[in-house]
Each structure stands twice: as C-alpha cells, then as structure tokens.
Amino acid sequence: MKLKNVYLLIAGLLIISSCKKDDDSIGEVVPPRLLSEVTVEDDAEIIEFLKTHFFNEEEFETPPEGFDFKIRFDTIAGENSTKRSIFDHPNLITQTISVDSENLGRADDNEIIDQTLYTLVVRQGAVDGKPTIGDFSILRYEGLLLDGTLFDASTNQPVRFNLSSVVRGFGNGMKNFQTGTGPFENGDGTVSYEDYGIGAIFMPAALAYFDSSPNSDVPSYSPLIFKVDAMTYEPDSDFDGDGIPSILEDLNGNGNLNDDNTDDESEGFSVYLANFNDNDDDNDGILTIDEIELDADGNFVGFLDTDGDGTPDHLDNDL
C-alpha cells in the first residue's frame, strides 16, 4: 500500500527529473522535464486511452449472478468495436486543477499549469454526501499504468486514507463519490460494505508522482489509473487533532491543504508541516486547540481574534 507515501514525500523530495517514460531505467540520471511539456503529453495519452477503451458497464447495469462489481477495461476493437468509449460515457467527470512547478521542486521554472483530472463514476454510492479533500476515506483501490500494469493495490479489506496525504489526483477524484452503508461484521474478523461508490480516476503525472514515485514499477512522468471502491468517509476530519476540521485549513481555497503553512519560515528547511498537519499553526508555543473557540463537547465553533487585527489567534504569533 504505497499510496500513503505520497504528497508530503512529493512536497519534500520534490519531484522531477527524467526523460520519456518508456526510456526510464532504475537508477538512470536524466535531465528534468518541464511541467508544461509533460502536461501536454500526459493529457494526450489519457484521452487516447479513454477514447479507445470501454468498461463492463452492461454488467453493472444488469449484474449477472456472482458478479464481483469490479471494473474491467478493454480495447474497442473487433467484436467490441461498437462499445461506448469511456470518453463518451456521461458519468465521466473532468476537473481542472492548477499545479505550480515550485510544488514539484521546480522553483526556477516558474510554471503554473492547469491539469485535467478525469473521474469515471461507474456506480454512485447510496449515502448522500461526499468527502472533502480534508477527510479520512475508507476505501479499496488498485493502481494501474495506462498499459494495464498493476503497480499497487490494497488488500480485499478497506483501508483508511486522509485524502490530503495521498497523491493530489487521488484525493480530488475521491471527492466525486458518494459512499455506502456499513461496516457489517462478517464473523471472521473482516468487515464489508454495501451500495458503495465504484469508479476509476485517471490522472496526469503532475497530480500523481511526477518523477518521484516511491514505487520502482512506476516510471517517471507516468499518468496513472486508480480503480476505487468508496466505502465510507469521516466528515469534518481533523487530521492533526488541533480542533479545526482539516478542510477549514485550506487558507488559499485552492483545494490543496499541503501548500498552506503559516509558520513555514520559522520551521526551517528540514521541517515542513502544513497547517492541517500542525497542532501549533503559528509556532508561538500555544497549541492551536487553545486559540480557537470550542463548544462544551469540544467541537469546533469558530476562530478567535483577540487583538482584532484581522488575523485569527491560531495564525497570529505576535499576540
């Protein structure tokens, strides 16, 4: 389950170095590529896949006996030449997400490039509501290259991920899925869910590992596919336990919690804790949970601004 090793690794080791995906070899040192160049190439490859492949939608529409509710892709050709492409499916959702080359370790490139994320919702979950980028999600997944190579997968049992601690494309894709009911105890130590969301996320390298994959099976600059089963999620998750729901720590409102770090200058080069992962957001020695308003049950109520300067106490280290 290498998916967890993600965004903070990317933000720290930060990503980018290498030639064309098919020419990569382990340990090879190659010149880095521009974000803008990789973006065009990856989007073309993803669109080509979406236009030339279909999935087993008939099985989902009328499930045969014993159907496992797994997505299967195949090429539109031969006896499958009349199949509807994934690209033409009405449940294919596109999102535009801006990526700054500086967040990929490329401060000198000065590029901010829009990426297109594609999410196929094969079955929407039965429970109203969808997770935010700050929530914990309970899910199963498989990670694939566009050629079908499986490089990572959860076990059959669901796993729990914070959607800001995985690659950015995965977290943003999961926001499109309603979830299911459960967990139900199976009597053997495992649990199951019913009527959960099922789909696939197609992401360019800039929303995945770019050139810093923790998995040797993923070449640099690879667009990826993640098949997902969205079991359930934990609304208003508080990743660092500082009393503030993580989604409220997206200060710049760009849907990326990892680039919001109030005290980055005082933390120093060796430490980078974004606010959603920092229990003292302004590094003033007073825990964030002691600088916000909570109700009698310890639930978040609002922000305090003791000196009235427009900066909330938990982000204001000059009080």
C-alpha atoms as a PDB file:
ATOM      1  CA  MET A   1       0.000   0.000   0.000  1.00  0.00           C
ATOM      2  CA  LYS A   2       2.422   2.634  -1.227  1.00  0.00           C
ATOM      3  CA  LEU A   3      -0.331   5.162  -1.995  1.00  0.00           C
ATOM      4  CA  LYS A   4       0.031   6.555   1.513  1.00  0.00           C
ATOM      5  CA  ASN A   5       3.632   7.602   0.979  1.00  0.00           C
ATOM      6  CA  VAL A   6       2.591  10.443  -1.116  1.00  0.00           C
ATOM      7  CA  TYR A   7       2.069  14.124  -1.038  1.00  0.00           C
ATOM      8  CA  LEU A   8       4.399  15.011   1.785  1.00  0.00           C
ATOM      9  CA  LEU A   9       7.065  12.881   0.138  1.00  0.00           C
ATOM     10  CA  ILE A  10       6.415  14.737  -3.109  1.00  0.00           C
ATOM     11  CA  ALA A  11       6.434  18.053  -1.306  1.00  0.00           C
ATOM     12  CA  GLY A  12       9.699  17.203   0.408  1.00  0.00           C
ATOM     13  CA  LEU A  13      11.771  15.205  -2.059  1.00  0.00           C
ATOM     14  CA  LEU A  14      10.124  17.167  -4.676  1.00  0.00           C
ATOM     15  CA  ILE A  15       9.564  15.861  -7.867  1.00  0.00           C
ATOM     16  CA  ILE A  16      11.076  15.939 -11.238  1.00  0.00           C
ATOM     17  CA  SER A  17      13.879  14.508 -13.254  1.00  0.00           C
ATOM     18  CA  SER A  18      13.838  12.436 -16.345  1.00  0.00           C
ATOM     19  CA  CYS A  19      13.241  11.541 -19.933  1.00  0.00           C
ATOM     20  CA  LYS A  20      10.382   9.781 -21.683  1.00  0.00           C
ATOM     21  CA  LYS A  21       8.540   7.224 -19.607  1.00  0.00           C
ATOM     22  CA  ASP A  22       9.328   4.296 -21.888  1.00  0.00           C
ATOM     23  CA  ASP A  23      13.057   5.054 -21.764  1.00  0.00           C
ATOM     24  CA  ASP A  24      13.397   5.199 -17.974  1.00  0.00           C
ATOM     25  CA  SER A  25      15.540   2.666 -16.178  1.00  0.00           C
ATOM     26  CA  ILE A  26      16.075   2.315 -12.452  1.00  0.00           C
ATOM     27  CA  GLY A  27      18.963   4.440 -11.237  1.00  0.00           C
ATOM     28  CA  GLU A  28      19.353   6.350 -14.503  1.00  0.00           C
ATOM     29  CA  VAL A  29      20.061  10.037 -14.046  1.00  0.00           C
ATOM     30  CA  VAL A  30      18.393  12.085 -16.765  1.00  0.00           C
ATOM     31  CA  PRO A  31      17.612  15.769 -17.297  1.00  0.00           C
ATOM     32  CA  PRO A  32      14.360  17.030 -15.733  1.00  0.00           C
ATOM     33  CA  ARG A  33      11.447  17.892 -17.986  1.00  0.00           C
ATOM     34  CA  LEU A  34       9.228  20.942 -17.939  1.00  0.00           C
ATOM     35  CA  LEU A  35       5.821  20.656 -16.297  1.00  0.00           C
ATOM     36  CA  SER A  36       4.211  22.252 -19.357  1.00  0.00           C
ATOM     37  CA  GLU A  37       5.755  19.671 -21.689  1.00  0.00           C
ATOM     38  CA  VAL A  38       4.734  16.685 -19.549  1.00  0.00           C
ATOM     39  CA  THR A  39       1.199  18.060 -19.133  1.00  0.00           C
ATOM     40  CA  VAL A  40       0.506  18.117 -22.872  1.00  0.00           C
ATOM     41  CA  GLU A  41       1.920  14.641 -23.351  1.00  0.00           C
ATOM     42  CA  ASP A  42       0.075  13.084 -20.418  1.00  0.00           C
ATOM     43  CA  ASP A  43      -3.293  14.576 -21.312  1.00  0.00           C
ATOM     44  CA  ALA A  44      -2.970  13.280 -24.866  1.00  0.00           C
ATOM     45  CA  GLU A  45      -2.147   9.786 -23.568  1.00  0.00           C
ATOM     46  CA  ILE A  46      -5.072   9.766 -21.150  1.00  0.00           C
ATOM     47  CA  ILE A  47      -7.535  10.984 -23.782  1.00  0.00           C
ATOM     48  CA  GLU A  48      -6.259   8.345 -26.185  1.00  0.00           C
ATOM     49  CA  PHE A  49      -6.893   5.662 -23.569  1.00  0.00           C
ATOM     50  CA  LEU A  50     -10.359   6.984 -22.760  1.00  0.00           C
ATOM     51  CA  LYS A  51     -11.349   7.106 -26.440  1.00  0.00           C
ATOM     52  CA  THR A  52     -10.041   3.638 -27.308  1.00  0.00           C
ATOM     53  CA  HIS A  53     -11.236   1.719 -24.229  1.00  0.00           C
ATOM     54  CA  PHE A  54     -14.565   0.739 -22.707  1.00  0.00           C
ATOM     55  CA  PHE A  55     -15.552  -0.806 -19.395  1.00  0.00           C
ATOM     56  CA  ASN A  56     -18.013  -3.544 -18.462  1.00  0.00           C
ATOM     57  CA  GLU A  57     -20.963  -1.213 -17.998  1.00  0.00           C
ATOM     58  CA  GLU A  58     -23.544  -3.836 -19.055  1.00  0.00           C
ATOM     59  CA  GLU A  59     -22.553  -5.974 -16.065  1.00  0.00           C
ATOM     60  CA  PHE A  60     -23.096  -3.028 -13.745  1.00  0.00           C
ATOM     61  CA  GLU A  61     -26.460  -2.216 -15.328  1.00  0.00           C
ATOM     62  CA  THR A  62     -27.697  -5.827 -15.101  1.00  0.00           C
ATOM     63  CA  PRO A  63     -25.409  -7.694 -12.694  1.00  0.00           C
ATOM     64  CA  PRO A  64     -25.102 -11.401 -13.591  1.00  0.00           C
ATOM     65  CA  GLU A  65     -25.157 -14.000 -10.853  1.00  0.00           C
ATOM     66  CA  GLY A  66     -21.876 -13.954  -8.932  1.00  0.00           C
ATOM     67  CA  PHE A  67     -20.740 -10.588 -10.365  1.00  0.00           C
ATOM     68  CA  ASP A  68     -17.913  -9.169  -8.265  1.00  0.00           C
ATOM     69  CA  PHE A  69     -18.622  -5.495  -9.099  1.00  0.00           C
ATOM     70  CA  LYS A  70     -15.088  -4.974 -10.394  1.00  0.00           C
ATOM     71  CA  ILE A  71     -14.332  -2.568 -13.246  1.00  0.00           C
ATOM     72  CA  ARG A  72     -12.700  -4.155 -16.272  1.00  0.00           C
ATOM     73  CA  PHE A  73     -11.263  -2.206 -19.203  1.00  0.00           C
ATOM     74  CA  ASP A  74     -10.849  -3.496 -22.733  1.00  0.00           C
ATOM     75  CA  THR A  75      -9.950  -2.097 -26.145  1.00  0.00           C
ATOM     76  CA  ILE A  76     -12.642  -1.018 -28.596  1.00  0.00           C
ATOM     77  CA  ALA A  77     -11.854  -3.356 -31.496  1.00  0.00           C
ATOM     78  CA  GLY A  78     -13.148  -6.432 -33.279  1.00  0.00           C
ATOM     79  CA  GLU A  79     -16.277  -7.818 -31.638  1.00  0.00           C
ATOM     80  CA  ASN A  80     -16.122  -4.866 -29.206  1.00  0.00           C
ATOM     81  CA  SER A  81     -15.982  -2.242 -31.958  1.00  0.00           C
ATOM     82  CA  THR A  82     -19.467  -0.925 -31.144  1.00  0.00           C
ATOM     83  CA  LYS A  83     -18.832  -0.432 -27.436  1.00  0.00           C
ATOM     84  CA  ARG A  84     -19.208   3.043 -25.951  1.00  0.00           C
ATOM     85  CA  SER A  85     -15.865   4.576 -25.041  1.00  0.00           C
ATOM     86  CA  ILE A  86     -15.079   5.759 -21.540  1.00  0.00           C
ATOM     87  CA  PHE A  87     -14.531   9.213 -23.036  1.00  0.00           C
ATOM     88  CA  ASP A  88     -18.138   9.310 -24.272  1.00  0.00           C
ATOM     89  CA  HIS A  89     -19.678   7.999 -21.080  1.00  0.00           C
ATOM     90  CA  PRO A  90     -21.992  10.542 -19.380  1.00  0.00           C
ATOM     91  CA  ASN A  91     -20.544   9.723 -15.944  1.00  0.00           C
ATOM     92  CA  LEU A  92     -17.016  10.783 -16.854  1.00  0.00           C
ATOM     93  CA  ILE A  93     -16.267  13.899 -14.787  1.00  0.00           C
ATOM     94  CA  THR A  94     -13.464  16.337 -15.625  1.00  0.00           C
ATOM     95  CA  GLN A  95     -11.792  18.673 -13.151  1.00  0.00           C
ATOM     96  CA  THR A  96      -9.218  21.392 -13.812  1.00  0.00           C
ATOM     97  CA  ILE A  97      -6.542  21.652 -11.139  1.00  0.00           C
ATOM     98  CA  SER A  98      -3.670  24.140 -11.274  1.00  0.00           C
ATOM     99  CA  VAL A  99      -0.201  22.870 -10.391  1.00  0.00           C
ATOM    100  CA  ASP A 100       2.714  25.143  -9.543  1.00  0.00           C
ATOM    101  CA  SER A 101       6.095  23.836 -10.685  1.00  0.00           C
ATOM    102  CA  GLU A 102       7.521  25.108  -7.386  1.00  0.00           C
ATOM    103  CA  ASN A 103       5.447  22.482  -5.577  1.00  0.00           C
ATOM    104  CA  LEU A 104       7.180  19.893  -7.760  1.00  0.00           C
ATOM    105  CA  GLY A 105      10.635  21.129  -6.782  1.00  0.00           C
ATOM    106  CA  ARG A 106      10.968  23.463  -9.775  1.00  0.00           C
ATOM    107  CA  ALA A 107      11.144  26.982  -8.344  1.00  0.00           C
ATOM    108  CA  ASP A 108      13.258  28.185 -11.271  1.00  0.00           C
ATOM    109  CA  ASP A 109      10.752  27.089 -13.928  1.00  0.00           C
ATOM    110  CA  ASN A 110       8.026  29.495 -12.766  1.00  0.00           C
ATOM    111  CA  GLU A 111       5.220  27.486 -14.356  1.00  0.00           C
ATOM    112  CA  ILE A 112       1.631  27.240 -13.161  1.00  0.00           C
ATOM    113  CA  ILE A 113      -0.097  24.789 -15.444  1.00  0.00           C
ATOM    114  CA  ASP A 114      -3.696  23.544 -15.440  1.00  0.00           C
ATOM    115  CA  GLN A 115      -4.078  19.773 -15.227  1.00  0.00           C
ATOM    116  CA  THR A 116      -7.159  17.809 -16.254  1.00  0.00           C
ATOM    117  CA  LEU A 117      -8.299  15.061 -13.907  1.00  0.00           C
ATOM    118  CA  TYR A 118     -10.802  12.506 -15.217  1.00  0.00           C
ATOM    119  CA  THR A 119     -13.067  10.518 -12.872  1.00  0.00           C
ATOM    120  CA  LEU A 120     -15.423   7.803 -14.058  1.00  0.00           C
ATOM    121  CA  VAL A 121     -18.296   7.202 -11.644  1.00  0.00           C
ATOM    122  CA  VAL A 122     -19.450   3.699 -12.543  1.00  0.00           C
ATOM    123  CA  ARG A 123     -21.809   3.419  -9.579  1.00  0.00           C
ATOM    124  CA  GLN A 124     -22.671   6.230  -7.207  1.00  0.00           C
ATOM    125  CA  GLY A 125     -22.875   5.335  -3.533  1.00  0.00           C
ATOM    126  CA  ALA A 126     -26.248   5.184  -1.819  1.00  0.00           C
ATOM    127  CA  VAL A 127     -25.396   7.533   1.067  1.00  0.00           C
ATOM    128  CA  ASP A 128     -25.801  11.273   0.459  1.00  0.00           C
ATOM    129  CA  GLY A 129     -22.706  13.427   0.911  1.00  0.00           C
ATOM    130  CA  LYS A 130     -19.180  13.226  -0.469  1.00  0.00           C
ATOM    131  CA  PRO A 131     -15.797  13.527   1.266  1.00  0.00           C
ATOM    132  CA  THR A 132     -13.729  16.695   1.124  1.00  0.00           C
ATOM    133  CA  ILE A 133     -10.014  16.811   0.479  1.00  0.00           C
ATOM    134  CA  GLY A 134      -9.513  17.062   4.249  1.00  0.00           C
ATOM    135  CA  ASP A 135     -11.455  13.950   5.232  1.00  0.00           C
ATOM    136  CA  PHE A 136     -10.467  10.396   6.005  1.00  0.00           C
ATOM    137  CA  SER A 137     -11.913   7.973   3.477  1.00  0.00           C
ATOM    138  CA  ILE A 138     -12.413   4.222   3.882  1.00  0.00           C
ATOM    139  CA  LEU A 139     -11.822   2.539   0.526  1.00  0.00           C
ATOM    140  CA  ARG A 140     -10.241  -0.139  -1.628  1.00  0.00           C
ATOM    141  CA  TYR A 141      -8.074   0.659  -4.631  1.00  0.00           C
ATOM    142  CA  GLU A 142      -5.911  -0.678  -7.441  1.00  0.00           C
ATOM    143  CA  GLY A 143      -3.213   1.414  -9.114  1.00  0.00           C
ATOM    144  CA  LEU A 144      -2.506   0.823 -12.815  1.00  0.00           C
ATOM    145  CA  LEU A 145      -0.344   2.212 -15.568  1.00  0.00           C
ATOM    146  CA  LEU A 146      -2.152   3.005 -18.809  1.00  0.00           C
ATOM    147  CA  ASP A 147      -0.850  -0.244 -20.289  1.00  0.00           C
ATOM    148  CA  GLY A 148      -2.703  -2.183 -17.587  1.00  0.00           C
ATOM    149  CA  THR A 149       0.299  -2.952 -15.377  1.00  0.00           C
ATOM    150  CA  LEU A 150      -0.790  -3.269 -11.743  1.00  0.00           C
ATOM    151  CA  PHE A 151       1.713  -1.451  -9.529  1.00  0.00           C
ATOM    152  CA  ASP A 152      -0.158  -1.140  -6.226  1.00  0.00           C
ATOM    153  CA  ALA A 153      -3.335  -2.337  -4.534  1.00  0.00           C
ATOM    154  CA  SER A 154      -4.982  -2.509  -1.158  1.00  0.00           C
ATOM    155  CA  THR A 155      -5.973  -5.848   0.284  1.00  0.00           C
ATOM    156  CA  ASN A 156      -9.550  -7.011  -0.108  1.00  0.00           C
ATOM    157  CA  GLN A 157     -10.294  -5.277   3.184  1.00  0.00           C
ATOM    158  CA  PRO A 158     -10.863  -1.488   3.121  1.00  0.00           C
ATOM    159  CA  VAL A 159      -8.053   0.862   4.109  1.00  0.00           C
ATOM    160  CA  ARG A 160      -8.248   4.330   5.681  1.00  0.00           C
ATOM    161  CA  PHE A 161      -6.563   7.296   3.998  1.00  0.00           C
ATOM    162  CA  ASN A 162      -6.638  11.010   4.652  1.00  0.00           C
ATOM    163  CA  LEU A 163      -7.332  12.470   1.214  1.00  0.00           C
ATOM    164  CA  SER A 164      -4.666  15.150   1.626  1.00  0.00           C
ATOM    165  CA  SER A 165      -1.982  12.594   2.470  1.00  0.00           C
ATOM    166  CA  VAL A 166      -2.176  10.785  -0.845  1.00  0.00           C
ATOM    167  CA  VAL A 167      -1.335  11.968  -4.342  1.00  0.00           C
ATOM    168  CA  ARG A 168      -3.331  15.018  -5.257  1.00  0.00           C
ATOM    169  CA  GLY A 169      -5.230  13.439  -8.135  1.00  0.00           C
ATOM    170  CA  PHE A 170      -6.446  10.585  -5.957  1.00  0.00           C
ATOM    171  CA  GLY A 171      -7.783  12.865  -3.233  1.00  0.00           C
ATOM    172  CA  ASN A 172      -9.534  15.162  -5.681  1.00  0.00           C
ATOM    173  CA  GLY A 173     -11.012  12.249  -7.602  1.00  0.00           C
ATOM    174  CA  MET A 174     -12.465  10.717  -4.444  1.00  0.00           C
ATOM    175  CA  LYS A 175     -14.450  13.912  -3.867  1.00  0.00           C
ATOM    176  CA  ASN A 176     -16.790  12.779  -6.666  1.00  0.00           C
ATOM    177  CA  PHE A 177     -18.035   9.661  -4.890  1.00  0.00           C
ATOM    178  CA  GLN A 178     -20.898   9.131  -2.530  1.00  0.00           C
ATOM    179  CA  THR A 179     -20.251   6.188  -0.260  1.00  0.00           C
ATOM    180  CA  GLY A 180     -22.114   3.145   1.048  1.00  0.00           C
ATOM    181  CA  THR A 181     -23.541   1.608   4.205  1.00  0.00           C
ATOM    182  CA  GLY A 182     -21.635  -0.341   6.841  1.00  0.00           C
ATOM    183  CA  PRO A 183     -19.393  -1.638   8.171  1.00  0.00           C
ATOM    184  CA  PHE A 184     -21.019  -5.020   8.622  1.00  0.00           C
ATOM    185  CA  GLU A 185     -19.165  -7.658  10.650  1.00  0.00           C
ATOM    186  CA  ASN A 186     -18.613 -10.837   8.655  1.00  0.00           C
ATOM    187  CA  GLY A 187     -17.951 -13.036  11.680  1.00  0.00           C
ATOM    188  CA  ASP A 188     -14.379 -13.836  10.642  1.00  0.00           C
ATOM    189  CA  GLY A 189     -12.703 -10.614  11.742  1.00  0.00           C
ATOM    190  CA  THR A 190     -13.389  -8.832   8.445  1.00  0.00           C
ATOM    191  CA  VAL A 191     -15.991  -6.226   7.538  1.00  0.00           C
ATOM    192  CA  SER A 192     -17.970  -5.423   4.418  1.00  0.00           C
ATOM    193  CA  TYR A 193     -19.969  -2.520   2.991  1.00  0.00           C
ATOM    194  CA  GLU A 194     -22.981  -2.336   0.707  1.00  0.00           C
ATOM    195  CA  ASP A 195     -24.081   0.053  -2.052  1.00  0.00           C
ATOM    196  CA  TYR A 196     -20.726   1.859  -2.072  1.00  0.00           C
ATOM    197  CA  GLY A 197     -19.395   4.083  -4.844  1.00  0.00           C
ATOM    198  CA  ILE A 198     -17.345   2.445  -7.595  1.00  0.00           C
ATOM    199  CA  GLY A 199     -15.227   4.103 -10.240  1.00  0.00           C
ATOM    200  CA  ALA A 200     -11.842   4.998 -11.652  1.00  0.00           C
ATOM    201  CA  ILE A 201      -9.608   8.063 -11.543  1.00  0.00           C
ATOM    202  CA  PHE A 202      -7.335   8.933 -14.479  1.00  0.00           C
ATOM    203  CA  MET A 203      -4.599  11.383 -13.536  1.00  0.00           C
ATOM    204  CA  PRO A 204      -1.617  13.046 -15.208  1.00  0.00           C
ATOM    205  CA  ALA A 205       1.804  12.653 -13.623  1.00  0.00           C
ATOM    206  CA  ALA A 206       1.695  16.163 -12.124  1.00  0.00           C
ATOM    207  CA  LEU A 207      -1.259  15.053  -9.982  1.00  0.00           C
ATOM    208  CA  ALA A 208       0.457  11.765  -9.163  1.00  0.00           C
ATOM    209  CA  TYR A 209       4.163  11.041  -8.523  1.00  0.00           C
ATOM    210  CA  PHE A 210       5.663  13.092 -11.370  1.00  0.00           C
ATOM    211  CA  ASP A 211       9.289  11.882 -11.303  1.00  0.00           C
ATOM    212  CA  SER A 212       9.481  10.841  -7.636  1.00  0.00           C
ATOM    213  CA  SER A 213       7.488   7.646  -7.395  1.00  0.00           C
ATOM    214  CA  PRO A 214       8.103   5.538  -4.272  1.00  0.00           C
ATOM    215  CA  ASN A 215       7.351   2.522  -6.468  1.00  0.00           C
ATOM    216  CA  SER A 216      10.025   1.265  -8.871  1.00  0.00           C
ATOM    217  CA  ASP A 217       7.271  -0.131 -11.116  1.00  0.00           C
ATOM    218  CA  VAL A 218       6.076   3.392 -11.944  1.00  0.00           C
ATOM    219  CA  PRO A 219       8.339   5.146 -14.490  1.00  0.00           C
ATOM    220  CA  SER A 220       8.901   8.875 -14.182  1.00  0.00           C
ATOM    221  CA  TYR A 221       6.183  11.130 -15.622  1.00  0.00           C
ATOM    222  CA  SER A 222       3.600   8.353 -15.791  1.00  0.00           C
ATOM    223  CA  PRO A 223      -0.121   9.120 -15.988  1.00  0.00           C
ATOM    224  CA  LEU A 224      -1.960   6.694 -13.719  1.00  0.00           C
ATOM    225  CA  ILE A 225      -5.306   4.979 -13.229  1.00  0.00           C
ATOM    226  CA  PHE A 226      -6.755   4.189  -9.819  1.00  0.00           C
ATOM    227  CA  LYS A 227      -9.798   1.938  -9.594  1.00  0.00           C
ATOM    228  CA  VAL A 228     -11.628   2.732  -6.359  1.00  0.00           C
ATOM    229  CA  ASP A 229     -14.389   1.422  -4.127  1.00  0.00           C
ATOM    230  CA  ALA A 230     -15.604   4.301  -1.923  1.00  0.00           C
ATOM    231  CA  MET A 231     -16.925   2.576   1.201  1.00  0.00           C
ATOM    232  CA  THR A 232     -17.427   5.461   3.636  1.00  0.00           C
ATOM    233  CA  TYR A 233     -15.721   8.582   4.983  1.00  0.00           C
ATOM    234  CA  GLU A 234     -15.373  10.589   8.190  1.00  0.00           C
ATOM    235  CA  PRO A 235     -16.971  14.045   7.769  1.00  0.00           C
ATOM    236  CA  ASP A 236     -15.092  17.067   9.146  1.00  0.00           C
ATOM    237  CA  SER A 237     -11.967  15.016   9.821  1.00  0.00           C
ATOM    238  CA  ASP A 238      -9.336  16.715  11.966  1.00  0.00           C
ATOM    239  CA  PHE A 239      -6.045  15.189  10.799  1.00  0.00           C
ATOM    240  CA  ASP A 240      -3.777  16.804  13.415  1.00  0.00           C
ATOM    241  CA  GLY A 241      -6.274  16.896  16.290  1.00  0.00           C
ATOM    242  CA  ASP A 242      -5.953  20.670  16.688  1.00  0.00           C
ATOM    243  CA  GLY A 243      -9.723  21.197  16.930  1.00  0.00           C
ATOM    244  CA  ILE A 244     -10.160  22.577  13.403  1.00  0.00           C
ATOM    245  CA  PRO A 245     -11.700  20.384  10.671  1.00  0.00           C
ATOM    246  CA  SER A 246      -8.885  19.942   8.164  1.00  0.00           C
ATOM    247  CA  ILE A 247     -10.894  21.312   5.254  1.00  0.00           C
ATOM    248  CA  LEU A 248     -11.060  24.691   7.053  1.00  0.00           C
ATOM    249  CA  GLU A 249      -7.243  24.867   6.973  1.00  0.00           C
ATOM    250  CA  ASP A 250      -7.229  25.435   3.207  1.00  0.00           C
ATOM    251  CA  LEU A 251      -6.329  29.107   3.660  1.00  0.00           C
ATOM    252  CA  ASN A 252      -5.951  29.965  -0.024  1.00  0.00           C
ATOM    253  CA  GLY A 253      -9.052  27.988  -1.024  1.00  0.00           C
ATOM    254  CA  ASN A 254      -7.348  26.084  -3.831  1.00  0.00           C
ATOM    255  CA  GLY A 255      -8.354  22.585  -2.711  1.00  0.00           C
ATOM    256  CA  ASN A 256      -4.795  21.709  -1.730  1.00  0.00           C
ATOM    257  CA  LEU A 257      -4.090  21.562   2.002  1.00  0.00           C
ATOM    258  CA  ASN A 258      -0.381  20.871   1.547  1.00  0.00           C
ATOM    259  CA  ASP A 259       0.555  24.392   0.427  1.00  0.00           C
ATOM    260  CA  ASP A 260      -0.980  26.176   3.442  1.00  0.00           C
ATOM    261  CA  ASN A 261       1.738  26.551   6.070  1.00  0.00           C
ATOM    262  CA  THR A 262       1.561  29.670   8.220  1.00  0.00           C
ATOM    263  CA  ASP A 263       4.822  29.071  10.098  1.00  0.00           C
ATOM    264  CA  ASP A 264       6.999  27.716   7.283  1.00  0.00           C
ATOM    265  CA  GLU A 265       9.708  30.344   7.793  1.00  0.00           C
ATOM    266  CA  SER A 266      10.136  29.524  11.478  1.00  0.00           C
ATOM    267  CA  GLU A 267      10.030  25.771  10.925  1.00  0.00           C
ATOM    268  CA  GLY A 268      13.225  25.761   8.924  1.00  0.00           C
ATOM    269  CA  PHE A 269      14.310  23.838   5.844  1.00  0.00           C
ATOM    270  CA  SER A 270      14.276  20.364   7.407  1.00  0.00           C
ATOM    271  CA  VAL A 271      10.664  20.553   8.637  1.00  0.00           C
ATOM    272  CA  TYR A 272       7.524  21.334   6.672  1.00  0.00           C
ATOM    273  CA  LEU A 273       4.195  20.877   8.412  1.00  0.00           C
ATOM    274  CA  ALA A 274       1.206  22.256   6.561  1.00  0.00           C
ATOM    275  CA  ASN A 275      -1.439  23.653   8.898  1.00  0.00           C
ATOM    276  CA  PHE A 276      -3.690  20.602   8.631  1.00  0.00           C
ATOM    277  CA  ASN A 277      -0.747  18.539   9.926  1.00  0.00           C
ATOM    278  CA  ASP A 278       0.483  21.008  12.578  1.00  0.00           C
ATOM    279  CA  ASN A 279      -1.007  21.355  16.069  1.00  0.00           C
ATOM    280  CA  ASP A 280       0.619  24.793  16.539  1.00  0.00           C
ATOM    281  CA  ASP A 281      -0.070  26.554  13.250  1.00  0.00           C
ATOM    282  CA  ASP A 282       1.751  29.807  14.060  1.00  0.00           C
ATOM    283  CA  ASN A 283       4.581  28.230  16.092  1.00  0.00           C
ATOM    284  CA  ASP A 284       4.002  30.553  19.049  1.00  0.00           C
ATOM    285  CA  GLY A 285       4.200  27.799  21.658  1.00  0.00           C
ATOM    286  CA  ILE A 286       0.436  27.810  22.245  1.00  0.00           C
ATOM    287  CA  LEU A 287      -1.431  24.863  20.784  1.00  0.00           C
ATOM    288  CA  THR A 288      -3.941  25.739  18.077  1.00  0.00           C
ATOM    289  CA  ILE A 289      -6.697  23.992  20.026  1.00  0.00           C
ATOM    290  CA  ASP A 290      -6.192  26.556  22.819  1.00  0.00           C
ATOM    291  CA  GLU A 291      -6.536  29.508  20.415  1.00  0.00           C
ATOM    292  CA  ILE A 292      -9.916  28.665  18.862  1.00  0.00           C
ATOM    293  CA  GLU A 293     -13.497  28.550  20.103  1.00  0.00           C
ATOM    294  CA  LEU A 294     -14.917  25.153  21.034  1.00  0.00           C
ATOM    295  CA  ASP A 295     -18.276  24.172  22.494  1.00  0.00           C
ATOM    296  CA  ALA A 296     -18.757  22.255  25.757  1.00  0.00           C
ATOM    297  CA  ASP A 297     -18.277  18.967  23.899  1.00  0.00           C
ATOM    298  CA  GLY A 298     -15.007  20.068  22.336  1.00  0.00           C
ATOM    299  CA  ASN A 299     -16.454  20.659  18.878  1.00  0.00           C
ATOM    300  CA  PHE A 300     -15.192  23.495  16.683  1.00  0.00           C
ATOM    301  CA  VAL A 301     -17.330  26.638  16.847  1.00  0.00           C
ATOM    302  CA  GLY A 302     -15.199  29.362  15.297  1.00  0.00           C
ATOM    303  CA  PHE A 303     -11.955  31.327  15.201  1.00  0.00           C
ATOM    304  CA  LEU A 304     -10.859  33.918  17.757  1.00  0.00           C
ATOM    305  CA  ASP A 305      -9.193  37.255  17.001  1.00  0.00           C
ATOM    306  CA  THR A 306      -8.238  38.634  20.403  1.00  0.00           C
ATOM    307  CA  ASP A 307      -6.381  41.730  19.207  1.00  0.00           C
ATOM    308  CA  GLY A 308      -8.839  42.500  16.380  1.00  0.00           C
ATOM    309  CA  ASP A 309      -6.151  42.741  13.724  1.00  0.00           C
ATOM    310  CA  GLY A 310      -7.981  40.505  11.256  1.00  0.00           C
ATOM    311  CA  THR A 311      -5.697  37.517  11.790  1.00  0.00           C
ATOM    312  CA  PRO A 312      -7.127  34.631  13.836  1.00  0.00           C
ATOM    313  CA  ASP A 313      -5.269  33.912  17.070  1.00  0.00           C
ATOM    314  CA  HIS A 314      -4.051  30.491  15.926  1.00  0.00           C
ATOM    315  CA  LEU A 315      -2.332  32.093  12.918  1.00  0.00           C
ATOM    316  CA  ASP A 316      -1.075  35.202  14.765  1.00  0.00           C
ATOM    317  CA  ASN A 317       2.210  34.727  16.620  1.00  0.00           C
ATOM    318  CA  ASP A 318       2.546  38.377  17.693  1.00  0.00           C
ATOM    319  CA  LEU A 319      -0.216  38.335  20.296  1.00  0.00           C
END
